[in-house]
Amino acid sequence: MKDKKDNQRQNANSLKRLTIGLGIFSAILLASNIWTLAVYAPSQQGSTISDSKNKYPLLDPSRGTYDRADRIINFQSLRDFLNNEYEADKNVSIYFEFLNTGANIAMNKDAEFWPASLLKVPVAMAATKKIEAGDWKWDSKLVLTGLDKDEKFGDLYKQPVGSTFTIEDLLRRSLSDSDNTAHFMLIRNLEPEEIEAVYKHIGLDGYLLNTSSVIGAKQYSALFRSLYTASYISGDNSQKLLTLMAQSSFREYLSTGLPTDISFAHKFGIDREKKVWLDSGIVYRENRPYILTVMIKSEKEDMARVAMKTISENVYRYINEYKEE
């Protein structure tokens, strides 16, 4: 009887040890599988930038931000279309840049134009930089003088001399409404070197802000790239300025070639005396944002309107419909 009980006890202990052993083995196997999946299995949502940088030190660390289908580098047929339609006309300059990959098209890139109201963007950036430096605040106020008033764009000129406006209000009026008076109030209160610092940032050292200043489509586009990457002013403030430009009620020129539900942070420029028609900005097609700048010199504004609509329509269609074959 004693031997039988001893055998039963030994069998129970053996079973217990086996169970514990199997449990430990299963735990080790499970941990091993989890580790293997974590290291080798592709994430459905893509790796983070830091993980991608650590795992692929020779690749673009932001590649995990976009699906492969949205990392387009082939724009040959679009380039062919733009060249065939506009390359021969030296009074038309186009710059396109696909922001996910940096692939771009620069047509008549050496042509230069009087920038007109496009100058409001670097001035706004200079004013925002002054806020970041602590010299101004968003609610700091500037005084309207008679020298600031300009009737060509906006209605701030209707206000009496001596009226005061906050920096934030002036930036909104300048970028969203293209108000010339608000723009001139900001310029008058900025030092020339504060504005020139913006141009230096984008590689235009010594760019002089005067009535003879000219700029090319590719050069100007760097201002929007700077805002998109928040490389000159902070992310919050870059977002603020782009939002103001996306709220513009001006739905002409390049805007007419875009669906109405697509956000377009842009600045247009018109100078009827110099016969220049300009538009530049970022088109936020979902997961496929791009910069498009078109500068045209023409005796006829209607010609510029048609050309800008055609260019914008074709660029957007290419971006929207592109699929890797």
C-alpha atoms as a PDB file:
ATOM      1  CA  MET A   1       0.000   0.000   0.000  1.00  0.00           C
ATOM      2  CA  LYS A   2       2.844   2.328   0.883  1.00  0.00           C
ATOM      3  CA  ASP A   3       4.584   1.623  -2.467  1.00  0.00           C
ATOM      4  CA  LYS A   4       1.348   2.394  -4.295  1.00  0.00           C
ATOM      5  CA  LYS A   5       0.974   5.724  -2.539  1.00  0.00           C
ATOM      6  CA  ASP A   6       4.624   6.554  -3.228  1.00  0.00           C
ATOM      7  CA  ASN A   7       4.130   5.784  -6.917  1.00  0.00           C
ATOM      8  CA  GLN A   8       1.012   7.972  -7.042  1.00  0.00           C
ATOM      9  CA  ARG A   9       2.872  10.822  -5.329  1.00  0.00           C
ATOM     10  CA  GLN A  10       5.781  10.486  -7.766  1.00  0.00           C
ATOM     11  CA  ASN A  11       3.424  10.462 -10.723  1.00  0.00           C
ATOM     12  CA  ALA A  12       1.650  13.583  -9.431  1.00  0.00           C
ATOM     13  CA  ASN A  13       4.940  15.363  -8.919  1.00  0.00           C
ATOM     14  CA  SER A  14       6.099  14.356 -12.397  1.00  0.00           C
ATOM     15  CA  LEU A  15       2.861  15.631 -13.909  1.00  0.00           C
ATOM     16  CA  LYS A  16       3.206  18.860 -11.954  1.00  0.00           C
ATOM     17  CA  ARG A  17       6.794  19.332 -13.147  1.00  0.00           C
ATOM     18  CA  LEU A  18       5.736  18.564 -16.709  1.00  0.00           C
ATOM     19  CA  THR A  19       2.918  21.086 -16.520  1.00  0.00           C
ATOM     20  CA  ILE A  20       5.217  23.760 -15.133  1.00  0.00           C
ATOM     21  CA  GLY A  21       7.807  22.944 -17.760  1.00  0.00           C
ATOM     22  CA  LEU A  22       5.279  23.191 -20.563  1.00  0.00           C
ATOM     23  CA  GLY A  23       4.056  26.501 -19.149  1.00  0.00           C
ATOM     24  CA  ILE A  24       7.568  27.933 -19.067  1.00  0.00           C
ATOM     25  CA  PHE A  25       8.268  26.648 -22.594  1.00  0.00           C
ATOM     26  CA  SER A  26       5.011  28.205 -23.865  1.00  0.00           C
ATOM     27  CA  ALA A  27       5.837  31.513 -22.234  1.00  0.00           C
ATOM     28  CA  ILE A  28       9.300  31.496 -23.791  1.00  0.00           C
ATOM     29  CA  LEU A  29       7.836  30.574 -27.190  1.00  0.00           C
ATOM     30  CA  LEU A  30       5.193  33.313 -26.940  1.00  0.00           C
ATOM     31  CA  ALA A  31       7.765  35.912 -25.975  1.00  0.00           C
ATOM     32  CA  SER A  32       9.971  34.772 -28.844  1.00  0.00           C
ATOM     33  CA  ASN A  33       7.108  35.072 -31.312  1.00  0.00           C
ATOM     34  CA  ILE A  34       6.198  38.532 -30.055  1.00  0.00           C
ATOM     35  CA  TRP A  35       9.811  39.643 -30.391  1.00  0.00           C
ATOM     36  CA  THR A  36      10.023  38.178 -33.895  1.00  0.00           C
ATOM     37  CA  LEU A  37       6.844  39.941 -34.973  1.00  0.00           C
ATOM     38  CA  ALA A  38       8.002  43.221 -33.497  1.00  0.00           C
ATOM     39  CA  VAL A  39      11.302  43.058 -35.356  1.00  0.00           C
ATOM     40  CA  TYR A  40      10.367  41.524 -38.687  1.00  0.00           C
ATOM     41  CA  ALA A  41       6.639  42.024 -39.299  1.00  0.00           C
ATOM     42  CA  PRO A  42       5.742  45.178 -41.254  1.00  0.00           C
ATOM     43  CA  SER A  43       3.453  47.583 -39.412  1.00  0.00           C
ATOM     44  CA  GLN A  44       0.102  48.177 -41.083  1.00  0.00           C
ATOM     45  CA  GLN A  45       0.376  51.857 -40.236  1.00  0.00           C
ATOM     46  CA  GLY A  46       4.047  52.284 -41.140  1.00  0.00           C
ATOM     47  CA  SER A  47       6.969  52.765 -38.803  1.00  0.00           C
ATOM     48  CA  THR A  48       7.602  56.008 -36.983  1.00  0.00           C
ATOM     49  CA  ILE A  49      10.223  58.378 -38.328  1.00  0.00           C
ATOM     50  CA  SER A  50      12.617  57.527 -35.481  1.00  0.00           C
ATOM     51  CA  ASP A  51      12.173  53.768 -35.996  1.00  0.00           C
ATOM     52  CA  SER A  52      12.658  54.166 -39.750  1.00  0.00           C
ATOM     53  CA  LYS A  53      15.806  56.225 -39.207  1.00  0.00           C
ATOM     54  CA  ASN A  54      17.252  53.640 -36.839  1.00  0.00           C
ATOM     55  CA  LYS A  55      16.374  50.672 -39.014  1.00  0.00           C
ATOM     56  CA  TYR A  56      17.170  52.273 -42.376  1.00  0.00           C
ATOM     57  CA  PRO A  57      19.925  54.846 -41.754  1.00  0.00           C
ATOM     58  CA  LEU A  58      20.539  55.319 -45.486  1.00  0.00           C
ATOM     59  CA  LEU A  59      16.900  56.041 -46.365  1.00  0.00           C
ATOM     60  CA  ASP A  60      14.676  59.094 -46.028  1.00  0.00           C
ATOM     61  CA  PRO A  61      13.528  58.973 -42.377  1.00  0.00           C
ATOM     62  CA  SER A  62      10.128  60.434 -43.283  1.00  0.00           C
ATOM     63  CA  ARG A  63       9.326  57.655 -45.753  1.00  0.00           C
ATOM     64  CA  GLY A  64       7.027  55.939 -43.254  1.00  0.00           C
ATOM     65  CA  THR A  65       4.844  59.034 -43.212  1.00  0.00           C
ATOM     66  CA  TYR A  66       3.439  58.308 -46.676  1.00  0.00           C
ATOM     67  CA  ASP A  67       2.185  55.185 -48.395  1.00  0.00           C
ATOM     68  CA  ARG A  68       4.380  54.078 -51.247  1.00  0.00           C
ATOM     69  CA  ALA A  69       1.626  54.962 -53.714  1.00  0.00           C
ATOM     70  CA  ASP A  70       1.877  58.586 -52.556  1.00  0.00           C
ATOM     71  CA  ARG A  71       5.648  58.890 -53.032  1.00  0.00           C
ATOM     72  CA  ILE A  72       5.523  59.912 -56.694  1.00  0.00           C
ATOM     73  CA  ILE A  73       8.701  60.732 -58.608  1.00  0.00           C
ATOM     74  CA  ASN A  74       7.542  60.207 -62.193  1.00  0.00           C
ATOM     75  CA  PHE A  75       6.142  63.424 -63.674  1.00  0.00           C
ATOM     76  CA  GLN A  76       7.387  62.992 -67.228  1.00  0.00           C
ATOM     77  CA  SER A  77       4.034  63.196 -69.001  1.00  0.00           C
ATOM     78  CA  LEU A  78       3.074  66.277 -66.975  1.00  0.00           C
ATOM     79  CA  ARG A  79       6.443  67.849 -67.804  1.00  0.00           C
ATOM     80  CA  ASP A  80       5.887  67.072 -71.492  1.00  0.00           C
ATOM     81  CA  PHE A  81       2.471  68.731 -71.434  1.00  0.00           C
ATOM     82  CA  LEU A  82       3.728  71.916 -69.757  1.00  0.00           C
ATOM     83  CA  ASN A  83       6.742  72.126 -72.057  1.00  0.00           C
ATOM     84  CA  ASN A  84       4.662  71.622 -75.170  1.00  0.00           C
ATOM     85  CA  GLU A  85       2.112  74.239 -74.141  1.00  0.00           C
ATOM     86  CA  TYR A  86       4.211  76.944 -72.483  1.00  0.00           C
ATOM     87  CA  GLU A  87       7.968  76.504 -72.814  1.00  0.00           C
ATOM     88  CA  ALA A  88       8.178  78.607 -75.965  1.00  0.00           C
ATOM     89  CA  ASP A  89       6.493  81.538 -74.206  1.00  0.00           C
ATOM     90  CA  LYS A  90       9.180  83.241 -72.122  1.00  0.00           C
ATOM     91  CA  ASN A  91       6.496  85.367 -70.491  1.00  0.00           C
ATOM     92  CA  VAL A  92       5.214  82.318 -68.621  1.00  0.00           C
ATOM     93  CA  SER A  93       7.175  80.721 -65.792  1.00  0.00           C
ATOM     94  CA  ILE A  94       6.017  77.644 -63.874  1.00  0.00           C
ATOM     95  CA  TYR A  95       7.419  75.861 -60.867  1.00  0.00           C
ATOM     96  CA  PHE A  96       5.864  72.672 -59.493  1.00  0.00           C
ATOM     97  CA  GLU A  97       7.160  70.627 -56.562  1.00  0.00           C
ATOM     98  CA  PHE A  98       5.683  67.432 -55.164  1.00  0.00           C
ATOM     99  CA  LEU A  99       6.280  67.771 -51.441  1.00  0.00           C
ATOM    100  CA  ASN A 100       6.344  64.047 -50.567  1.00  0.00           C
ATOM    101  CA  THR A 101       9.416  63.380 -52.698  1.00  0.00           C
ATOM    102  CA  GLY A 102      10.790  66.734 -53.821  1.00  0.00           C
ATOM    103  CA  ALA A 103      10.308  65.812 -57.493  1.00  0.00           C
ATOM    104  CA  ASN A 104       9.781  69.030 -59.420  1.00  0.00           C
ATOM    105  CA  ILE A 105       9.290  70.756 -62.758  1.00  0.00           C
ATOM    106  CA  ALA A 106      10.822  74.166 -63.455  1.00  0.00           C
ATOM    107  CA  MET A 107       9.802  75.721 -66.744  1.00  0.00           C
ATOM    108  CA  ASN A 108      11.446  78.933 -67.930  1.00  0.00           C
ATOM    109  CA  LYS A 109      13.072  79.032 -64.499  1.00  0.00           C
ATOM    110  CA  ASP A 110      15.347  81.968 -65.389  1.00  0.00           C
ATOM    111  CA  ALA A 111      12.437  84.274 -66.203  1.00  0.00           C
ATOM    112  CA  GLU A 112      11.878  86.923 -63.519  1.00  0.00           C
ATOM    113  CA  PHE A 113       8.837  89.019 -62.676  1.00  0.00           C
ATOM    114  CA  TRP A 114       7.866  91.929 -60.482  1.00  0.00           C
ATOM    115  CA  PRO A 115       6.284  90.063 -57.499  1.00  0.00           C
ATOM    116  CA  ALA A 116       3.497  92.564 -56.695  1.00  0.00           C
ATOM    117  CA  SER A 117       1.423  91.293 -53.749  1.00  0.00           C
ATOM    118  CA  LEU A 118       3.501  88.143 -53.453  1.00  0.00           C
ATOM    119  CA  LEU A 119       5.800  90.372 -51.358  1.00  0.00           C
ATOM    120  CA  LYS A 120       3.241  90.156 -48.562  1.00  0.00           C
ATOM    121  CA  VAL A 121       4.368  86.642 -47.632  1.00  0.00           C
ATOM    122  CA  PRO A 122       8.008  87.426 -46.736  1.00  0.00           C
ATOM    123  CA  VAL A 123       6.855  90.584 -44.911  1.00  0.00           C
ATOM    124  CA  ALA A 124       4.386  88.490 -42.895  1.00  0.00           C
ATOM    125  CA  MET A 125       7.158  86.010 -42.088  1.00  0.00           C
ATOM    126  CA  ALA A 126       9.426  88.854 -40.951  1.00  0.00           C
ATOM    127  CA  ALA A 127       6.668  90.255 -38.721  1.00  0.00           C
ATOM    128  CA  THR A 128       6.035  86.818 -37.210  1.00  0.00           C
ATOM    129  CA  LYS A 129       9.752  86.349 -36.592  1.00  0.00           C
ATOM    130  CA  LYS A 130       9.724  89.653 -34.690  1.00  0.00           C
ATOM    131  CA  ILE A 131       6.923  88.283 -32.509  1.00  0.00           C
ATOM    132  CA  GLU A 132       8.948  85.143 -31.830  1.00  0.00           C
ATOM    133  CA  ALA A 133      11.900  87.317 -30.841  1.00  0.00           C
ATOM    134  CA  GLY A 134       9.717  89.042 -28.258  1.00  0.00           C
ATOM    135  CA  ASP A 135       9.899  92.492 -29.878  1.00  0.00           C
ATOM    136  CA  TRP A 136       6.214  92.379 -30.813  1.00  0.00           C
ATOM    137  CA  LYS A 137       3.170  90.521 -29.576  1.00  0.00           C
ATOM    138  CA  TRP A 138       0.176  89.382 -31.582  1.00  0.00           C
ATOM    139  CA  ASP A 139      -1.923  92.030 -29.854  1.00  0.00           C
ATOM    140  CA  SER A 140       0.645  94.821 -30.241  1.00  0.00           C
ATOM    141  CA  LYS A 141      -0.906  97.743 -32.114  1.00  0.00           C
ATOM    142  CA  LEU A 142       0.374  99.829 -35.007  1.00  0.00           C
ATOM    143  CA  VAL A 143      -0.890 103.262 -35.999  1.00  0.00           C
ATOM    144  CA  LEU A 144      -2.291 104.025 -39.461  1.00  0.00           C
ATOM    145  CA  THR A 145      -0.681 106.998 -41.211  1.00  0.00           C
ATOM    146  CA  GLY A 146      -1.543 108.748 -44.427  1.00  0.00           C
ATOM    147  CA  LEU A 147       1.531 107.259 -46.105  1.00  0.00           C
ATOM    148  CA  ASP A 148       0.222 103.732 -45.460  1.00  0.00           C
ATOM    149  CA  LYS A 149      -2.999 104.159 -47.363  1.00  0.00           C
ATOM    150  CA  ASP A 150      -3.422 102.388 -50.703  1.00  0.00           C
ATOM    151  CA  GLU A 151      -6.741 101.936 -52.506  1.00  0.00           C
ATOM    152  CA  LYS A 152      -5.759  99.160 -54.937  1.00  0.00           C
ATOM    153  CA  PHE A 153      -6.568  96.192 -52.698  1.00  0.00           C
ATOM    154  CA  GLY A 154      -8.482  96.010 -49.430  1.00  0.00           C
ATOM    155  CA  ASP A 155     -10.552  98.579 -47.592  1.00  0.00           C
ATOM    156  CA  LEU A 156      -8.383  99.454 -44.592  1.00  0.00           C
ATOM    157  CA  TYR A 157      -7.488 102.704 -46.327  1.00  0.00           C
ATOM    158  CA  LYS A 158     -11.010 103.912 -45.537  1.00  0.00           C
ATOM    159  CA  GLN A 159     -10.171 104.108 -41.831  1.00  0.00           C
ATOM    160  CA  PRO A 160      -9.118 107.496 -40.412  1.00  0.00           C
ATOM    161  CA  VAL A 161      -5.469 108.342 -39.878  1.00  0.00           C
ATOM    162  CA  GLY A 162      -4.484 107.565 -36.295  1.00  0.00           C
ATOM    163  CA  SER A 163      -6.542 104.367 -36.103  1.00  0.00           C
ATOM    164  CA  THR A 164      -4.745 101.461 -34.476  1.00  0.00           C
ATOM    165  CA  PHE A 165      -4.754  97.778 -35.444  1.00  0.00           C
ATOM    166  CA  THR A 166      -3.187  94.693 -33.884  1.00  0.00           C
ATOM    167  CA  ILE A 167      -0.365  92.837 -35.619  1.00  0.00           C
ATOM    168  CA  GLU A 168      -2.618  89.782 -35.864  1.00  0.00           C
ATOM    169  CA  ASP A 169      -5.367  91.775 -37.575  1.00  0.00           C
ATOM    170  CA  LEU A 170      -2.894  93.356 -39.996  1.00  0.00           C
ATOM    171  CA  LEU A 171      -1.451  89.950 -40.917  1.00  0.00           C
ATOM    172  CA  ARG A 172      -4.942  88.574 -41.483  1.00  0.00           C
ATOM    173  CA  ARG A 173      -5.871  91.502 -43.700  1.00  0.00           C
ATOM    174  CA  SER A 174      -2.579  91.334 -45.592  1.00  0.00           C
ATOM    175  CA  LEU A 175      -2.621  87.592 -46.285  1.00  0.00           C
ATOM    176  CA  SER A 176      -6.325  86.720 -46.451  1.00  0.00           C
ATOM    177  CA  ASP A 177      -7.624  89.966 -47.995  1.00  0.00           C
ATOM    178  CA  SER A 178      -4.400  91.074 -49.730  1.00  0.00           C
ATOM    179  CA  ASP A 179      -4.940  94.495 -48.158  1.00  0.00           C
ATOM    180  CA  ASN A 180      -2.202  96.851 -49.352  1.00  0.00           C
ATOM    181  CA  THR A 181      -2.652  99.315 -46.499  1.00  0.00           C
ATOM    182  CA  ALA A 182      -2.155  96.605 -43.876  1.00  0.00           C
ATOM    183  CA  HIS A 183       0.934  95.442 -45.778  1.00  0.00           C
ATOM    184  CA  PHE A 184       2.434  98.941 -45.850  1.00  0.00           C
ATOM    185  CA  MET A 185       1.767  99.417 -42.133  1.00  0.00           C
ATOM    186  CA  LEU A 186       3.782  96.286 -41.414  1.00  0.00           C
ATOM    187  CA  ILE A 187       6.635  97.276 -43.752  1.00  0.00           C
ATOM    188  CA  ARG A 188       6.914 100.750 -42.226  1.00  0.00           C
ATOM    189  CA  ASN A 189       7.409  99.234 -38.777  1.00  0.00           C
ATOM    190  CA  LEU A 190       9.944  96.599 -39.827  1.00  0.00           C
ATOM    191  CA  GLU A 191      13.646  97.162 -40.337  1.00  0.00           C
ATOM    192  CA  PRO A 192      14.898  96.401 -43.886  1.00  0.00           C
ATOM    193  CA  GLU A 193      17.304  93.787 -42.535  1.00  0.00           C
ATOM    194  CA  GLU A 194      14.394  91.954 -40.859  1.00  0.00           C
ATOM    195  CA  ILE A 195      12.752  91.469 -44.248  1.00  0.00           C
ATOM    196  CA  GLU A 196      16.026  90.728 -46.029  1.00  0.00           C
ATOM    197  CA  ALA A 197      16.702  87.989 -43.438  1.00  0.00           C
ATOM    198  CA  VAL A 198      13.731  86.084 -44.849  1.00  0.00           C
ATOM    199  CA  TYR A 199      15.182  86.215 -48.363  1.00  0.00           C
ATOM    200  CA  LYS A 200      18.590  85.201 -47.062  1.00  0.00           C
ATOM    201  CA  HIS A 201      16.966  82.186 -45.431  1.00  0.00           C
ATOM    202  CA  ILE A 202      15.733  80.937 -48.828  1.00  0.00           C
ATOM    203  CA  GLY A 203      19.045  81.646 -50.560  1.00  0.00           C
ATOM    204  CA  LEU A 204      18.436  85.139 -51.946  1.00  0.00           C
ATOM    205  CA  ASP A 205      21.263  86.934 -50.178  1.00  0.00           C
ATOM    206  CA  GLY A 206      21.260  90.670 -50.841  1.00  0.00           C
ATOM    207  CA  TYR A 207      17.764  90.672 -52.340  1.00  0.00           C
ATOM    208  CA  LEU A 208      16.664  94.307 -52.346  1.00  0.00           C
ATOM    209  CA  LEU A 209      13.050  95.157 -51.697  1.00  0.00           C
ATOM    210  CA  ASN A 210      12.362  98.034 -54.087  1.00  0.00           C
ATOM    211  CA  THR A 211      10.352  98.858 -57.180  1.00  0.00           C
ATOM    212  CA  SER A 212      12.911  97.203 -59.467  1.00  0.00           C
ATOM    213  CA  SER A 213      13.016  93.906 -57.553  1.00  0.00           C
ATOM    214  CA  VAL A 214      12.161  90.837 -59.603  1.00  0.00           C
ATOM    215  CA  ILE A 215      11.968  87.172 -58.678  1.00  0.00           C
ATOM    216  CA  GLY A 216      11.511  83.813 -60.406  1.00  0.00           C
ATOM    217  CA  ALA A 217       8.830  81.183 -59.823  1.00  0.00           C
ATOM    218  CA  LYS A 218      11.276  78.631 -58.421  1.00  0.00           C
ATOM    219  CA  GLN A 219      12.923  81.173 -56.118  1.00  0.00           C
ATOM    220  CA  TYR A 220       9.613  82.397 -54.768  1.00  0.00           C
ATOM    221  CA  SER A 221       8.307  78.867 -54.143  1.00  0.00           C
ATOM    222  CA  ALA A 222      11.003  78.420 -51.494  1.00  0.00           C
ATOM    223  CA  LEU A 223       8.976  80.707 -49.219  1.00  0.00           C
ATOM    224  CA  PHE A 224       6.086  78.247 -49.198  1.00  0.00           C
ATOM    225  CA  ARG A 225       8.491  75.335 -48.734  1.00  0.00           C
ATOM    226  CA  SER A 226       9.899  77.169 -45.717  1.00  0.00           C
ATOM    227  CA  LEU A 227       6.433  77.564 -44.221  1.00  0.00           C
ATOM    228  CA  TYR A 228       5.523  73.939 -44.987  1.00  0.00           C
ATOM    229  CA  THR A 229       8.648  72.661 -43.241  1.00  0.00           C
ATOM    230  CA  ALA A 230       8.532  75.339 -40.494  1.00  0.00           C
ATOM    231  CA  SER A 231      12.208  76.032 -41.114  1.00  0.00           C
ATOM    232  CA  TYR A 232      12.154  79.801 -40.455  1.00  0.00           C
ATOM    233  CA  ILE A 233       9.349  80.385 -37.987  1.00  0.00           C
ATOM    234  CA  SER A 234       7.844  77.895 -35.534  1.00  0.00           C
ATOM    235  CA  GLY A 235       5.399  75.171 -36.470  1.00  0.00           C
ATOM    236  CA  ASP A 236       2.517  76.939 -34.733  1.00  0.00           C
ATOM    237  CA  ASN A 237       3.240  80.211 -36.507  1.00  0.00           C
ATOM    238  CA  SER A 238       3.873  78.594 -39.904  1.00  0.00           C
ATOM    239  CA  GLN A 239       0.503  76.880 -39.524  1.00  0.00           C
ATOM    240  CA  LYS A 240      -1.075  80.220 -38.613  1.00  0.00           C
ATOM    241  CA  LEU A 241       0.198  82.025 -41.712  1.00  0.00           C
ATOM    242  CA  LEU A 242      -0.718  79.148 -44.042  1.00  0.00           C
ATOM    243  CA  THR A 243      -4.191  79.023 -42.502  1.00  0.00           C
ATOM    244  CA  LEU A 244      -4.667  82.736 -43.160  1.00  0.00           C
ATOM    245  CA  MET A 245      -3.704  82.225 -46.809  1.00  0.00           C
ATOM    246  CA  ALA A 246      -5.977  79.191 -47.113  1.00  0.00           C
ATOM    247  CA  GLN A 247      -8.863  81.414 -45.965  1.00  0.00           C
ATOM    248  CA  SER A 248      -8.425  83.837 -48.859  1.00  0.00           C
ATOM    249  CA  SER A 249     -11.678  84.602 -50.629  1.00  0.00           C
ATOM    250  CA  PHE A 250      -9.799  85.092 -53.918  1.00  0.00           C
ATOM    251  CA  ARG A 251     -11.055  82.185 -56.047  1.00  0.00           C
ATOM    252  CA  GLU A 252      -9.452  83.074 -59.349  1.00  0.00           C
ATOM    253  CA  TYR A 253      -6.294  82.128 -61.240  1.00  0.00           C
ATOM    254  CA  LEU A 254      -4.945  78.779 -59.960  1.00  0.00           C
ATOM    255  CA  SER A 255      -7.932  78.269 -57.652  1.00  0.00           C
ATOM    256  CA  THR A 256     -10.255  77.875 -60.659  1.00  0.00           C
ATOM    257  CA  GLY A 257      -8.451  74.695 -61.669  1.00  0.00           C
ATOM    258  CA  LEU A 258      -9.015  73.003 -58.293  1.00  0.00           C
ATOM    259  CA  PRO A 259     -12.034  71.265 -56.748  1.00  0.00           C
ATOM    260  CA  THR A 260     -13.767  73.618 -54.329  1.00  0.00           C
ATOM    261  CA  ASP A 261     -13.204  71.255 -51.375  1.00  0.00           C
ATOM    262  CA  ILE A 262      -9.406  71.240 -51.772  1.00  0.00           C
ATOM    263  CA  SER A 263      -7.522  73.537 -49.413  1.00  0.00           C
ATOM    264  CA  PHE A 264      -5.169  75.937 -51.195  1.00  0.00           C
ATOM    265  CA  ALA A 265      -2.878  78.133 -49.063  1.00  0.00           C
ATOM    266  CA  HIS A 266      -1.750  80.720 -51.589  1.00  0.00           C
ATOM    267  CA  LYS A 267      -0.927  84.303 -52.394  1.00  0.00           C
ATOM    268  CA  PHE A 268      -1.841  85.976 -55.659  1.00  0.00           C
ATOM    269  CA  GLY A 269      -0.294  89.067 -57.177  1.00  0.00           C
ATOM    270  CA  ILE A 270      -1.669  91.540 -59.721  1.00  0.00           C
ATOM    271  CA  ASP A 271      -0.037  94.604 -61.206  1.00  0.00           C
ATOM    272  CA  ARG A 272      -2.021  95.927 -64.129  1.00  0.00           C
ATOM    273  CA  GLU A 273       0.507  98.664 -64.864  1.00  0.00           C
ATOM    274  CA  LYS A 274       3.364  96.178 -65.160  1.00  0.00           C
ATOM    275  CA  LYS A 275       1.063  93.589 -66.790  1.00  0.00           C
ATOM    276  CA  VAL A 276       1.955  90.765 -64.407  1.00  0.00           C
ATOM    277  CA  TRP A 277      -0.406  88.094 -63.085  1.00  0.00           C
ATOM    278  CA  LEU A 278       0.896  85.757 -60.384  1.00  0.00           C
ATOM    279  CA  ASP A 279      -0.289  82.994 -58.090  1.00  0.00           C
ATOM    280  CA  SER A 280       1.666  80.707 -55.772  1.00  0.00           C
ATOM    281  CA  GLY A 281       0.830  78.304 -52.970  1.00  0.00           C
ATOM    282  CA  ILE A 282       0.413  74.815 -51.590  1.00  0.00           C
ATOM    283  CA  VAL A 283      -2.375  72.545 -52.832  1.00  0.00           C
ATOM    284  CA  TYR A 284      -3.396  70.113 -50.077  1.00  0.00           C
ATOM    285  CA  ARG A 285      -4.639  67.165 -52.050  1.00  0.00           C
ATOM    286  CA  GLU A 286      -4.999  64.436 -49.379  1.00  0.00           C
ATOM    287  CA  ASN A 287      -1.646  62.659 -48.819  1.00  0.00           C
ATOM    288  CA  ARG A 288      -0.263  64.313 -51.976  1.00  0.00           C
ATOM    289  CA  PRO A 289       0.472  68.005 -51.265  1.00  0.00           C
ATOM    290  CA  TYR A 290       2.358  70.102 -53.795  1.00  0.00           C
ATOM    291  CA  ILE A 291       3.588  73.626 -54.459  1.00  0.00           C
ATOM    292  CA  LEU A 292       2.522  75.350 -57.661  1.00  0.00           C
ATOM    293  CA  THR A 293       3.720  78.797 -58.728  1.00  0.00           C
ATOM    294  CA  VAL A 294       2.760  80.418 -62.027  1.00  0.00           C
ATOM    295  CA  MET A 295       3.992  83.834 -63.161  1.00  0.00           C
ATOM    296  CA  ILE A 296       2.698  85.419 -66.354  1.00  0.00           C
ATOM    297  CA  LYS A 297       3.389  88.688 -68.103  1.00  0.00           C
ATOM    298  CA  SER A 298       0.724  89.564 -70.621  1.00  0.00           C
ATOM    299  CA  GLU A 299      -1.173  92.511 -72.020  1.00  0.00           C
ATOM    300  CA  LYS A 300      -4.370  90.534 -71.506  1.00  0.00           C
ATOM    301  CA  GLU A 301      -5.460  89.364 -68.053  1.00  0.00           C
ATOM    302  CA  ASP A 302      -7.973  86.997 -69.645  1.00  0.00           C
ATOM    303  CA  MET A 303      -5.104  85.107 -71.260  1.00  0.00           C
ATOM    304  CA  ALA A 304      -3.449  84.781 -67.853  1.00  0.00           C
ATOM    305  CA  ARG A 305      -6.679  83.538 -66.285  1.00  0.00           C
ATOM    306  CA  VAL A 306      -7.144  80.840 -68.922  1.00  0.00           C
ATOM    307  CA  ALA A 307      -3.516  79.725 -68.745  1.00  0.00           C
ATOM    308  CA  MET A 308      -3.553  79.469 -64.951  1.00  0.00           C
ATOM    309  CA  LYS A 309      -6.772  77.481 -64.919  1.00  0.00           C
ATOM    310  CA  THR A 310      -5.441  75.092 -67.562  1.00  0.00           C
ATOM    311  CA  ILE A 311      -2.112  74.603 -65.785  1.00  0.00           C
ATOM    312  CA  SER A 312      -3.751  74.085 -62.395  1.00  0.00           C
ATOM    313  CA  GLU A 313      -6.341  71.644 -63.758  1.00  0.00           C
ATOM    314  CA  ASN A 314      -3.740  69.495 -65.468  1.00  0.00           C
ATOM    315  CA  VAL A 315      -1.369  69.421 -62.501  1.00  0.00           C
ATOM    316  CA  TYR A 316      -4.150  68.485 -60.104  1.00  0.00           C
ATOM    317  CA  ARG A 317      -5.519  65.818 -62.432  1.00  0.00           C
ATOM    318  CA  TYR A 318      -2.092  64.229 -62.740  1.00  0.00           C
ATOM    319  CA  ILE A 319      -1.561  64.197 -58.974  1.00  0.00           C
ATOM    320  CA  ASN A 320      -5.051  62.991 -58.226  1.00  0.00           C
ATOM    321  CA  GLU A 321      -5.146  60.176 -60.780  1.00  0.00           C
ATOM    322  CA  TYR A 322      -1.544  58.952 -60.752  1.00  0.00           C
ATOM    323  CA  LYS A 323      -1.038  55.244 -60.166  1.00  0.00           C
ATOM    324  CA  GLU A 324       2.189  53.312 -60.531  1.00  0.00           C
ATOM    325  CA  GLU A 325       1.900  50.985 -63.510  1.00  0.00           C
END
